[in-house]
Amino acid sequence: MAGLWDRYVVPRLIGFCCTQPPIMKRRAKVVPRAHGRVLELGAGGGANFALYDPAKVDSVEGVDPSPGLLDRARDAAKAEGIEFDIKEGVAENLPFADDSFDTVLATFTLCSVQDQAQCLAEARRALKPGGTFLFCEHGAAPDAKVAKWQRRIEPVWKRIAGGCHLTRPIGSAVAQAGFSIVEQDQGYMEKTPSWAGWLEWGEARI
């Protein structure tokens, strides 16, 4: 039953939740900054594709482990005027050479990877020297009461939401991976339960 849930229900659940107006508003603050050859982590669903600036982007390559989300991403790619190449894969083991990309983008992805630190290490490896890492993620809230509820809800939430964690750090994890954060913003999303609504987004470099 868990296999059927993950294959058929989770892609629809993620596709719905991750394209709500408050989330798309934050995506729109980050995605248009991408430039050159771009790698998108967790590209399944294609929610970012319409937000890229064709004048700044040469191509977009992406990885995602979900066949259901990959199907959605490929359908979305057909509607845009940018070259997209989306592959099945995991962010912890990227099938790309060192120093390959001008931009690596992670949006609502670091919450559900198996190993966040390894994912960020791979992103850093794949970036060219001076490359840009863009992120927009939800995670551990700074308020003690909210954090307490996140810890309570997370075990159940992970099972129904494709391994999505509520308590992972965001900006501090990016910095610990060796990136220099050059711009960052954060806050709770409107019209969203606080335990799921803490976001951090920004730009980092190597």
N, C-alpha and C. Protein backbone atom coordinates (compact mmCIF):
# COMPACT_ATOMS: atom_id res chain seq x y z
N MET A 1 0.83 -1.20 0.00
CA MET A 1 0.00 0.00 0.00
C MET A 1 0.87 1.26 0.00
N ALA A 2 1.98 1.24 0.79
CA ALA A 2 2.86 2.41 0.84
C ALA A 2 3.44 2.71 -0.54
N GLY A 3 3.78 1.62 -1.30
CA GLY A 3 4.33 1.81 -2.63
C GLY A 3 3.34 2.47 -3.57
N LEU A 4 2.09 2.06 -3.51
CA LEU A 4 1.05 2.66 -4.34
C LEU A 4 0.81 4.11 -3.96
N TRP A 5 0.81 4.38 -2.66
CA TRP A 5 0.62 5.76 -2.18
C TRP A 5 1.73 6.66 -2.72
N ASP A 6 2.98 6.20 -2.59
CA ASP A 6 4.11 7.02 -3.02
C ASP A 6 4.11 7.23 -4.54
N ARG A 7 3.67 6.23 -5.28
CA ARG A 7 3.73 6.32 -6.74
C ARG A 7 2.59 7.16 -7.33
N TYR A 8 1.38 6.99 -6.76
CA TYR A 8 0.23 7.61 -7.40
C TYR A 8 -0.34 8.81 -6.65
N VAL A 9 -0.29 8.77 -5.33
CA VAL A 9 -0.90 9.85 -4.55
C VAL A 9 0.09 10.98 -4.28
N VAL A 10 1.31 10.62 -3.87
CA VAL A 10 2.28 11.64 -3.48
C VAL A 10 2.58 12.63 -4.61
N PRO A 11 2.78 12.19 -5.88
CA PRO A 11 3.02 13.19 -6.93
C PRO A 11 1.88 14.20 -7.07
N ARG A 12 0.64 13.74 -6.94
CA ARG A 12 -0.49 14.67 -7.02
C ARG A 12 -0.52 15.59 -5.81
N LEU A 13 -0.24 15.03 -4.63
CA LEU A 13 -0.23 15.83 -3.41
C LEU A 13 0.84 16.91 -3.48
N ILE A 14 2.04 16.52 -3.88
CA ILE A 14 3.14 17.48 -3.99
C ILE A 14 2.84 18.51 -5.07
N GLY A 15 2.33 18.03 -6.21
CA GLY A 15 2.01 18.95 -7.29
C GLY A 15 1.01 20.00 -6.88
N PHE A 16 0.04 19.61 -6.06
CA PHE A 16 -0.97 20.56 -5.58
C PHE A 16 -0.39 21.50 -4.54
N CYS A 17 0.24 20.94 -3.51
CA CYS A 17 0.72 21.76 -2.39
C CYS A 17 1.82 22.73 -2.82
N CYS A 18 2.69 22.28 -3.70
CA CYS A 18 3.86 23.08 -4.06
C CYS A 18 3.61 24.08 -5.17
N THR A 19 2.35 24.23 -5.58
CA THR A 19 2.02 25.24 -6.58
C THR A 19 0.94 26.20 -6.07
N GLN A 20 0.73 26.21 -4.76
CA GLN A 20 -0.23 27.16 -4.21
C GLN A 20 0.30 28.59 -4.32
N PRO A 21 -0.59 29.58 -4.40
CA PRO A 21 -0.15 30.96 -4.63
C PRO A 21 0.94 31.47 -3.70
N PRO A 22 0.88 31.23 -2.37
CA PRO A 22 1.98 31.73 -1.53
C PRO A 22 3.33 31.13 -1.89
N ILE A 23 3.33 29.86 -2.30
CA ILE A 23 4.58 29.20 -2.69
C ILE A 23 5.08 29.72 -4.03
N MET A 24 4.18 29.86 -4.99
CA MET A 24 4.59 30.37 -6.29
C MET A 24 5.12 31.81 -6.17
N LYS A 25 4.58 32.56 -5.24
CA LYS A 25 5.06 33.93 -5.00
C LYS A 25 6.52 33.91 -4.58
N ARG A 26 6.90 32.96 -3.71
CA ARG A 26 8.30 32.86 -3.28
C ARG A 26 9.18 32.30 -4.39
N ARG A 27 8.68 31.32 -5.12
CA ARG A 27 9.46 30.81 -6.25
C ARG A 27 9.83 31.94 -7.20
N ALA A 28 8.86 32.82 -7.44
CA ALA A 28 9.07 33.91 -8.40
C ALA A 28 10.13 34.90 -7.95
N LYS A 29 10.48 34.90 -6.67
CA LYS A 29 11.54 35.76 -6.17
C LYS A 29 12.93 35.18 -6.46
N VAL A 30 12.98 33.87 -6.72
CA VAL A 30 14.26 33.18 -6.80
C VAL A 30 14.58 32.69 -8.22
N VAL A 31 13.64 31.99 -8.83
CA VAL A 31 13.91 31.30 -10.10
C VAL A 31 14.40 32.24 -11.20
N PRO A 32 13.83 33.45 -11.37
CA PRO A 32 14.30 34.31 -12.46
C PRO A 32 15.76 34.75 -12.34
N ARG A 33 16.39 34.50 -11.20
CA ARG A 33 17.80 34.85 -11.04
C ARG A 33 18.72 33.84 -11.71
N ALA A 34 18.22 32.69 -12.07
CA ALA A 34 19.04 31.64 -12.68
C ALA A 34 19.61 32.12 -14.01
N HIS A 35 20.84 31.68 -14.29
CA HIS A 35 21.47 32.11 -15.54
C HIS A 35 22.37 31.00 -16.07
N GLY A 36 22.65 31.08 -17.36
CA GLY A 36 23.57 30.15 -18.00
C GLY A 36 23.03 28.73 -18.05
N ARG A 37 23.92 27.79 -17.84
CA ARG A 37 23.52 26.38 -17.76
C ARG A 37 23.03 26.13 -16.34
N VAL A 38 21.80 25.68 -16.21
CA VAL A 38 21.13 25.57 -14.91
C VAL A 38 20.86 24.11 -14.59
N LEU A 39 21.09 23.75 -13.33
CA LEU A 39 20.71 22.44 -12.81
C LEU A 39 19.64 22.65 -11.74
N GLU A 40 18.50 22.01 -11.93
CA GLU A 40 17.42 22.09 -10.94
C GLU A 40 17.31 20.77 -10.18
N LEU A 41 17.46 20.85 -8.87
CA LEU A 41 17.32 19.67 -8.02
C LEU A 41 15.85 19.49 -7.67
N GLY A 42 15.36 18.25 -7.78
CA GLY A 42 13.95 18.01 -7.52
C GLY A 42 13.06 18.71 -8.54
N ALA A 43 13.39 18.54 -9.81
CA ALA A 43 12.69 19.27 -10.89
C ALA A 43 11.32 18.69 -11.21
N GLY A 44 11.01 17.53 -10.65
CA GLY A 44 9.74 16.89 -10.95
C GLY A 44 8.55 17.79 -10.69
N GLY A 45 7.61 17.77 -11.59
CA GLY A 45 6.43 18.62 -11.49
C GLY A 45 6.53 19.84 -12.37
N GLY A 46 7.75 20.35 -12.58
CA GLY A 46 7.95 21.48 -13.48
C GLY A 46 7.37 22.79 -13.00
N ALA A 47 7.18 22.95 -11.69
CA ALA A 47 6.54 24.16 -11.18
C ALA A 47 7.34 25.42 -11.46
N ASN A 48 8.66 25.28 -11.63
CA ASN A 48 9.50 26.46 -11.85
C ASN A 48 9.65 26.85 -13.31
N PHE A 49 9.25 25.99 -14.22
CA PHE A 49 9.66 26.16 -15.61
C PHE A 49 9.21 27.47 -16.22
N ALA A 50 8.00 27.90 -15.92
CA ALA A 50 7.48 29.14 -16.49
C ALA A 50 8.13 30.38 -15.89
N LEU A 51 8.91 30.21 -14.82
CA LEU A 51 9.50 31.35 -14.11
C LEU A 51 10.91 31.67 -14.57
N TYR A 52 11.54 30.79 -15.34
CA TYR A 52 12.88 31.08 -15.83
C TYR A 52 12.83 32.22 -16.84
N ASP A 53 13.91 33.00 -16.87
CA ASP A 53 14.04 34.09 -17.82
C ASP A 53 14.78 33.57 -19.05
N PRO A 54 14.09 33.39 -20.19
CA PRO A 54 14.75 32.83 -21.38
C PRO A 54 15.93 33.66 -21.86
N ALA A 55 15.94 34.95 -21.53
CA ALA A 55 17.05 35.80 -21.95
C ALA A 55 18.32 35.54 -21.16
N LYS A 56 18.20 34.90 -20.01
CA LYS A 56 19.36 34.67 -19.14
C LYS A 56 19.79 33.21 -19.09
N VAL A 57 18.89 32.31 -19.47
CA VAL A 57 19.14 30.87 -19.30
C VAL A 57 19.44 30.22 -20.65
N ASP A 58 20.53 29.45 -20.69
CA ASP A 58 20.89 28.71 -21.90
C ASP A 58 20.16 27.37 -21.96
N SER A 59 20.14 26.68 -20.83
CA SER A 59 19.49 25.38 -20.76
C SER A 59 19.20 25.05 -19.31
N VAL A 60 18.25 24.14 -19.10
CA VAL A 60 17.91 23.68 -17.76
C VAL A 60 17.95 22.17 -17.75
N GLU A 61 18.77 21.62 -16.88
CA GLU A 61 18.81 20.18 -16.66
C GLU A 61 18.32 19.93 -15.24
N GLY A 62 17.70 18.79 -15.04
CA GLY A 62 17.15 18.51 -13.72
C GLY A 62 17.13 17.05 -13.40
N VAL A 63 17.02 16.77 -12.10
CA VAL A 63 16.89 15.40 -11.62
C VAL A 63 15.73 15.32 -10.64
N ASP A 64 15.08 14.18 -10.61
CA ASP A 64 14.02 13.91 -9.64
C ASP A 64 13.86 12.40 -9.54
N PRO A 65 13.62 11.87 -8.33
CA PRO A 65 13.49 10.42 -8.19
C PRO A 65 12.10 9.88 -8.47
N SER A 66 11.10 10.75 -8.65
CA SER A 66 9.71 10.30 -8.78
C SER A 66 9.28 10.20 -10.23
N PRO A 67 8.98 8.99 -10.73
CA PRO A 67 8.50 8.87 -12.11
C PRO A 67 7.24 9.68 -12.36
N GLY A 68 6.32 9.72 -11.38
CA GLY A 68 5.09 10.48 -11.55
C GLY A 68 5.35 11.96 -11.70
N LEU A 69 6.26 12.51 -10.89
CA LEU A 69 6.59 13.92 -11.00
C LEU A 69 7.39 14.21 -12.26
N LEU A 70 8.21 13.27 -12.69
CA LEU A 70 8.97 13.47 -13.92
C LEU A 70 8.04 13.59 -15.12
N ASP A 71 6.99 12.79 -15.14
CA ASP A 71 6.01 12.89 -16.23
C ASP A 71 5.41 14.30 -16.26
N ARG A 72 5.07 14.83 -15.10
CA ARG A 72 4.52 16.19 -15.03
C ARG A 72 5.54 17.22 -15.50
N ALA A 73 6.80 17.02 -15.12
CA ALA A 73 7.85 17.96 -15.52
C ALA A 73 8.02 17.97 -17.03
N ARG A 74 8.01 16.83 -17.64
CA ARG A 74 8.21 16.77 -19.09
C ARG A 74 7.05 17.39 -19.84
N ASP A 75 5.85 17.22 -19.31
CA ASP A 75 4.70 17.88 -19.93
C ASP A 75 4.83 19.40 -19.81
N ALA A 76 5.27 19.87 -18.63
CA ALA A 76 5.44 21.31 -18.43
C ALA A 76 6.53 21.88 -19.32
N ALA A 77 7.59 21.10 -19.54
CA ALA A 77 8.70 21.59 -20.35
C ALA A 77 8.29 21.87 -21.78
N LYS A 78 7.34 21.11 -22.30
CA LYS A 78 6.91 21.29 -23.69
C LYS A 78 6.28 22.66 -23.92
N ALA A 79 5.77 23.27 -22.85
CA ALA A 79 5.06 24.53 -22.99
C ALA A 79 5.97 25.75 -22.93
N GLU A 80 7.27 25.55 -22.64
CA GLU A 80 8.17 26.68 -22.45
C GLU A 80 9.21 26.76 -23.56
N GLY A 81 9.78 27.95 -23.74
CA GLY A 81 10.73 28.17 -24.82
C GLY A 81 12.18 28.03 -24.39
N ILE A 82 12.44 27.11 -23.48
CA ILE A 82 13.80 26.85 -22.99
C ILE A 82 14.09 25.37 -23.18
N GLU A 83 15.35 25.06 -23.42
CA GLU A 83 15.76 23.66 -23.56
C GLU A 83 15.80 23.00 -22.18
N PHE A 84 14.95 21.99 -21.98
CA PHE A 84 14.90 21.26 -20.71
C PHE A 84 15.35 19.82 -20.94
N ASP A 85 16.10 19.29 -19.99
CA ASP A 85 16.50 17.88 -20.01
C ASP A 85 16.36 17.35 -18.58
N ILE A 86 15.28 16.63 -18.32
CA ILE A 86 14.96 16.18 -16.97
C ILE A 86 15.17 14.67 -16.88
N LYS A 87 15.99 14.26 -15.92
CA LYS A 87 16.34 12.85 -15.77
C LYS A 87 15.87 12.31 -14.42
N GLU A 88 15.66 10.99 -14.38
CA GLU A 88 15.40 10.34 -13.10
C GLU A 88 16.72 10.20 -12.35
N GLY A 89 16.75 10.64 -11.11
CA GLY A 89 17.98 10.56 -10.33
C GLY A 89 17.80 11.21 -8.98
N VAL A 90 18.82 11.12 -8.15
CA VAL A 90 18.76 11.68 -6.81
C VAL A 90 19.82 12.76 -6.66
N ALA A 91 19.50 13.76 -5.86
CA ALA A 91 20.40 14.90 -5.69
C ALA A 91 21.66 14.54 -4.93
N GLU A 92 21.65 13.43 -4.20
CA GLU A 92 22.83 13.01 -3.46
C GLU A 92 23.89 12.35 -4.35
N ASN A 93 23.54 12.05 -5.59
CA ASN A 93 24.48 11.39 -6.50
C ASN A 93 24.22 11.90 -7.91
N LEU A 94 24.63 13.13 -8.18
CA LEU A 94 24.31 13.77 -9.45
C LEU A 94 25.15 13.19 -10.59
N PRO A 95 24.52 12.91 -11.72
CA PRO A 95 25.25 12.32 -12.87
C PRO A 95 25.91 13.38 -13.74
N PHE A 96 26.64 14.30 -13.12
CA PHE A 96 27.27 15.39 -13.85
C PHE A 96 28.71 15.57 -13.37
N ALA A 97 29.54 16.08 -14.26
CA ALA A 97 30.95 16.31 -13.92
C ALA A 97 31.08 17.51 -12.99
N ASP A 98 32.23 17.59 -12.35
CA ASP A 98 32.54 18.76 -11.52
C ASP A 98 32.51 20.03 -12.37
N ASP A 99 32.15 21.14 -11.71
CA ASP A 99 32.25 22.47 -12.34
C ASP A 99 31.47 22.55 -13.65
N SER A 100 30.24 22.03 -13.65
CA SER A 100 29.47 21.94 -14.89
C SER A 100 28.45 23.05 -15.08
N PHE A 101 27.96 23.66 -13.99
CA PHE A 101 26.80 24.54 -14.09
C PHE A 101 27.10 25.94 -13.57
N ASP A 102 26.42 26.91 -14.19
CA ASP A 102 26.49 28.28 -13.73
C ASP A 102 25.56 28.52 -12.54
N THR A 103 24.44 27.80 -12.52
CA THR A 103 23.44 27.94 -11.46
C THR A 103 22.93 26.57 -11.04
N VAL A 104 22.80 26.36 -9.75
CA VAL A 104 22.06 25.21 -9.23
C VAL A 104 20.90 25.76 -8.41
N LEU A 105 19.72 25.20 -8.64
CA LEU A 105 18.50 25.68 -8.01
C LEU A 105 17.86 24.57 -7.19
N ALA A 106 17.47 24.89 -5.95
CA ALA A 106 16.74 23.95 -5.09
C ALA A 106 15.52 24.67 -4.53
N THR A 107 14.33 24.21 -4.89
CA THR A 107 13.11 24.79 -4.36
C THR A 107 12.23 23.68 -3.80
N PHE A 108 11.98 23.74 -2.51
CA PHE A 108 11.13 22.76 -1.83
C PHE A 108 11.61 21.33 -2.13
N THR A 109 12.91 21.16 -2.01
CA THR A 109 13.58 19.90 -2.31
C THR A 109 14.41 19.39 -1.14
N LEU A 110 15.13 20.29 -0.47
CA LEU A 110 16.01 19.88 0.62
C LEU A 110 15.26 19.26 1.78
N CYS A 111 13.96 19.49 1.84
CA CYS A 111 13.15 18.90 2.91
C CYS A 111 12.96 17.40 2.74
N SER A 112 13.07 16.92 1.51
CA SER A 112 12.70 15.51 1.27
C SER A 112 13.83 14.64 0.75
N VAL A 113 15.02 15.19 0.52
CA VAL A 113 16.13 14.34 0.10
C VAL A 113 16.53 13.44 1.27
N GLN A 114 17.15 12.32 0.94
CA GLN A 114 17.57 11.38 1.97
C GLN A 114 18.67 11.97 2.85
N ASP A 115 19.62 12.67 2.24
CA ASP A 115 20.79 13.19 2.96
C ASP A 115 21.00 14.63 2.53
N GLN A 116 20.55 15.56 3.35
CA GLN A 116 20.62 16.97 2.99
C GLN A 116 22.06 17.44 2.79
N ALA A 117 22.95 17.06 3.69
CA ALA A 117 24.34 17.50 3.59
C ALA A 117 25.00 16.98 2.32
N GLN A 118 24.73 15.72 1.97
CA GLN A 118 25.31 15.17 0.75
C GLN A 118 24.73 15.85 -0.49
N CYS A 119 23.45 16.16 -0.45
CA CYS A 119 22.82 16.88 -1.56
C CYS A 119 23.51 18.23 -1.78
N LEU A 120 23.73 18.97 -0.71
CA LEU A 120 24.38 20.27 -0.83
C LEU A 120 25.84 20.13 -1.28
N ALA A 121 26.51 19.08 -0.83
CA ALA A 121 27.88 18.85 -1.27
C ALA A 121 27.94 18.57 -2.77
N GLU A 122 26.96 17.81 -3.26
CA GLU A 122 26.90 17.52 -4.69
C GLU A 122 26.58 18.79 -5.50
N ALA A 123 25.69 19.62 -4.97
CA ALA A 123 25.38 20.88 -5.65
C ALA A 123 26.64 21.74 -5.77
N ARG A 124 27.41 21.79 -4.70
CA ARG A 124 28.64 22.59 -4.71
C ARG A 124 29.65 22.01 -5.70
N ARG A 125 29.74 20.70 -5.74
CA ARG A 125 30.66 20.05 -6.68
C ARG A 125 30.30 20.35 -8.13
N ALA A 126 29.00 20.36 -8.42
CA ALA A 126 28.55 20.52 -9.80
C ALA A 126 28.63 21.97 -10.28
N LEU A 127 28.73 22.93 -9.35
CA LEU A 127 28.80 24.34 -9.73
C LEU A 127 30.20 24.72 -10.21
N LYS A 128 30.23 25.61 -11.19
CA LYS A 128 31.49 26.20 -11.62
C LYS A 128 32.02 27.13 -10.53
N PRO A 129 33.32 27.37 -10.48
CA PRO A 129 33.84 28.37 -9.55
C PRO A 129 33.13 29.71 -9.76
N GLY A 130 32.67 30.31 -8.69
CA GLY A 130 31.91 31.54 -8.79
C GLY A 130 30.45 31.33 -9.13
N GLY A 131 30.03 30.06 -9.22
CA GLY A 131 28.64 29.76 -9.58
C GLY A 131 27.65 30.14 -8.49
N THR A 132 26.37 30.13 -8.86
CA THR A 132 25.29 30.60 -7.99
C THR A 132 24.42 29.43 -7.54
N PHE A 133 24.17 29.37 -6.25
CA PHE A 133 23.22 28.42 -5.70
C PHE A 133 22.00 29.19 -5.23
N LEU A 134 20.84 28.91 -5.80
CA LEU A 134 19.59 29.56 -5.45
C LEU A 134 18.73 28.58 -4.66
N PHE A 135 18.09 29.06 -3.60
CA PHE A 135 17.28 28.16 -2.79
C PHE A 135 16.02 28.86 -2.31
N CYS A 136 14.97 28.06 -2.19
CA CYS A 136 13.71 28.50 -1.59
C CYS A 136 13.12 27.26 -0.94
N GLU A 137 13.19 27.20 0.38
CA GLU A 137 12.89 25.97 1.09
C GLU A 137 12.08 26.24 2.36
N HIS A 138 11.30 25.24 2.76
CA HIS A 138 10.63 25.32 4.06
C HIS A 138 11.38 24.42 5.03
N GLY A 139 11.28 24.75 6.32
CA GLY A 139 12.01 23.95 7.29
C GLY A 139 11.81 24.40 8.71
N ALA A 140 12.84 24.21 9.52
CA ALA A 140 12.76 24.42 10.96
C ALA A 140 12.45 25.87 11.29
N ALA A 141 11.37 26.09 12.03
CA ALA A 141 10.97 27.44 12.44
C ALA A 141 11.80 27.90 13.63
N PRO A 142 12.02 29.20 13.76
CA PRO A 142 12.83 29.72 14.86
C PRO A 142 12.07 29.86 16.17
N ASP A 143 10.75 29.76 16.12
CA ASP A 143 9.93 29.96 17.31
C ASP A 143 9.73 28.63 18.05
N ALA A 144 9.98 28.64 19.34
CA ALA A 144 9.99 27.40 20.11
C ALA A 144 8.65 26.66 20.05
N LYS A 145 7.55 27.37 20.16
CA LYS A 145 6.24 26.71 20.13
C LYS A 145 5.97 26.06 18.78
N VAL A 146 6.33 26.77 17.71
CA VAL A 146 6.13 26.21 16.37
C VAL A 146 7.04 25.01 16.17
N ALA A 147 8.29 25.13 16.59
CA ALA A 147 9.24 24.03 16.45
C ALA A 147 8.78 22.79 17.20
N LYS A 148 8.15 22.99 18.33
CA LYS A 148 7.64 21.86 19.11
C LYS A 148 6.57 21.11 18.32
N TRP A 149 5.67 21.86 17.67
CA TRP A 149 4.64 21.23 16.85
C TRP A 149 5.24 20.57 15.61
N GLN A 150 6.26 21.16 15.05
CA GLN A 150 6.93 20.54 13.91
C GLN A 150 7.49 19.17 14.29
N ARG A 151 8.11 19.08 15.45
CA ARG A 151 8.68 17.80 15.89
C ARG A 151 7.58 16.77 16.12
N ARG A 152 6.44 17.21 16.61
CA ARG A 152 5.33 16.29 16.86
C ARG A 152 4.72 15.77 15.56
N ILE A 153 4.56 16.66 14.61
CA ILE A 153 3.85 16.32 13.37
C ILE A 153 4.75 15.60 12.37
N GLU A 154 6.04 15.87 12.41
CA GLU A 154 6.94 15.38 11.37
C GLU A 154 6.88 13.86 11.12
N PRO A 155 6.86 12.99 12.14
CA PRO A 155 6.85 11.56 11.84
C PRO A 155 5.67 11.12 10.96
N VAL A 156 4.50 11.67 11.21
CA VAL A 156 3.33 11.34 10.39
C VAL A 156 3.42 12.03 9.04
N TRP A 157 3.84 13.28 9.04
CA TRP A 157 3.93 14.06 7.81
C TRP A 157 4.88 13.40 6.81
N LYS A 158 6.00 12.90 7.28
CA LYS A 158 6.96 12.25 6.38
C LYS A 158 6.34 11.06 5.66
N ARG A 159 5.50 10.32 6.36
CA ARG A 159 4.90 9.13 5.76
C ARG A 159 3.89 9.48 4.67
N ILE A 160 3.17 10.58 4.85
CA ILE A 160 2.13 10.90 3.87
C ILE A 160 2.62 11.85 2.78
N ALA A 161 3.76 12.50 2.99
CA ALA A 161 4.20 13.55 2.06
C ALA A 161 5.54 13.22 1.42
N GLY A 162 5.78 11.97 1.12
CA GLY A 162 6.97 11.59 0.35
C GLY A 162 8.28 11.84 1.04
N GLY A 163 8.32 11.68 2.36
CA GLY A 163 9.57 11.85 3.11
C GLY A 163 9.90 13.29 3.44
N CYS A 164 8.94 14.19 3.30
CA CYS A 164 9.16 15.61 3.58
C CYS A 164 9.37 15.84 5.08
N HIS A 165 10.48 16.51 5.43
CA HIS A 165 10.80 16.85 6.81
C HIS A 165 10.35 18.27 7.12
N LEU A 166 9.97 18.50 8.35
CA LEU A 166 9.57 19.83 8.79
C LEU A 166 10.64 20.53 9.62
N THR A 167 11.62 19.79 10.10
CA THR A 167 12.55 20.32 11.10
C THR A 167 13.97 20.54 10.60
N ARG A 168 14.18 20.45 9.31
CA ARG A 168 15.54 20.63 8.81
C ARG A 168 15.91 22.11 8.74
N PRO A 169 17.17 22.43 9.08
CA PRO A 169 17.64 23.80 8.91
C PRO A 169 17.79 24.13 7.43
N ILE A 170 17.79 25.41 7.12
CA ILE A 170 17.88 25.81 5.72
C ILE A 170 19.14 26.65 5.50
N GLY A 171 19.07 27.94 5.82
CA GLY A 171 20.22 28.82 5.57
C GLY A 171 21.49 28.34 6.24
N SER A 172 21.38 27.90 7.47
CA SER A 172 22.58 27.43 8.18
C SER A 172 23.17 26.19 7.52
N ALA A 173 22.31 25.32 6.97
CA ALA A 173 22.81 24.13 6.28
C ALA A 173 23.53 24.51 4.99
N VAL A 174 23.02 25.50 4.30
CA VAL A 174 23.67 25.99 3.08
C VAL A 174 25.05 26.54 3.42
N ALA A 175 25.13 27.33 4.47
CA ALA A 175 26.41 27.90 4.88
C ALA A 175 27.39 26.82 5.32
N GLN A 176 26.91 25.83 6.05
CA GLN A 176 27.78 24.77 6.53
C GLN A 176 28.32 23.91 5.38
N ALA A 177 27.62 23.93 4.24
CA ALA A 177 28.08 23.17 3.07
C ALA A 177 29.20 23.88 2.32
N GLY A 178 29.57 25.06 2.77
CA GLY A 178 30.68 25.77 2.16
C GLY A 178 30.28 26.90 1.22
N PHE A 179 29.00 27.22 1.17
CA PHE A 179 28.53 28.34 0.35
C PHE A 179 28.61 29.63 1.16
N SER A 180 28.79 30.73 0.44
CA SER A 180 28.71 32.06 1.04
C SER A 180 27.36 32.67 0.65
N ILE A 181 26.50 32.89 1.62
CA ILE A 181 25.18 33.44 1.33
C ILE A 181 25.33 34.95 1.11
N VAL A 182 24.90 35.39 -0.07
CA VAL A 182 25.03 36.80 -0.42
C VAL A 182 23.72 37.55 -0.24
N GLU A 183 22.62 36.82 -0.19
CA GLU A 183 21.32 37.44 0.04
C GLU A 183 20.37 36.38 0.58
N GLN A 184 19.60 36.74 1.60
CA GLN A 184 18.65 35.79 2.18
C GLN A 184 17.47 36.53 2.78
N ASP A 185 16.29 35.93 2.63
CA ASP A 185 15.09 36.44 3.27
C ASP A 185 14.37 35.26 3.90
N GLN A 186 13.45 35.55 4.80
CA GLN A 186 12.78 34.47 5.51
C GLN A 186 11.49 34.97 6.12
N GLY A 187 10.62 34.02 6.48
CA GLY A 187 9.38 34.39 7.12
C GLY A 187 8.34 33.30 6.95
N TYR A 188 7.21 33.48 7.62
CA TYR A 188 6.10 32.54 7.51
C TYR A 188 5.24 32.89 6.30
N MET A 189 4.81 31.87 5.59
CA MET A 189 3.88 32.08 4.49
C MET A 189 2.49 32.43 5.01
N GLU A 190 1.83 33.31 4.30
CA GLU A 190 0.46 33.63 4.65
C GLU A 190 -0.46 32.46 4.29
N LYS A 191 -1.58 32.37 5.00
CA LYS A 191 -2.61 31.36 4.74
C LYS A 191 -2.06 29.94 4.80
N THR A 192 -1.08 29.73 5.68
CA THR A 192 -0.42 28.42 5.81
C THR A 192 -0.22 28.13 7.29
N PRO A 193 -0.51 26.90 7.75
CA PRO A 193 -0.22 26.58 9.15
C PRO A 193 1.25 26.86 9.48
N SER A 194 1.50 27.44 10.62
CA SER A 194 2.86 27.86 10.94
C SER A 194 3.84 26.69 10.95
N TRP A 195 3.37 25.50 11.31
CA TRP A 195 4.28 24.35 11.36
C TRP A 195 4.78 23.95 9.97
N ALA A 196 4.06 24.37 8.93
CA ALA A 196 4.47 24.06 7.55
C ALA A 196 4.89 25.30 6.79
N GLY A 197 4.85 26.47 7.44
CA GLY A 197 4.96 27.71 6.70
C GLY A 197 6.22 28.51 6.82
N TRP A 198 7.23 28.01 7.56
CA TRP A 198 8.47 28.78 7.68
C TRP A 198 9.33 28.57 6.44
N LEU A 199 9.64 29.67 5.75
CA LEU A 199 10.44 29.61 4.53
C LEU A 199 11.70 30.44 4.66
N GLU A 200 12.73 29.99 3.98
CA GLU A 200 13.96 30.78 3.79
C GLU A 200 14.35 30.67 2.33
N TRP A 201 14.69 31.81 1.73
CA TRP A 201 15.04 31.81 0.33
C TRP A 201 16.16 32.81 0.10
N GLY A 202 16.97 32.53 -0.93
CA GLY A 202 18.07 33.43 -1.17
C GLY A 202 19.05 32.93 -2.22
N GLU A 203 20.22 33.53 -2.20
CA GLU A 203 21.26 33.29 -3.18
C GLU A 203 22.60 33.09 -2.48
N ALA A 204 23.33 32.09 -2.91
CA ALA A 204 24.66 31.82 -2.33
C ALA A 204 25.65 31.58 -3.47
N ARG A 205 26.92 31.70 -3.14
CA ARG A 205 27.97 31.52 -4.14
C ARG A 205 29.08 30.62 -3.56
N ILE A 206 29.91 30.14 -4.49
CA ILE A 206 31.09 29.40 -4.05
C ILE A 206 32.34 30.15 -4.53
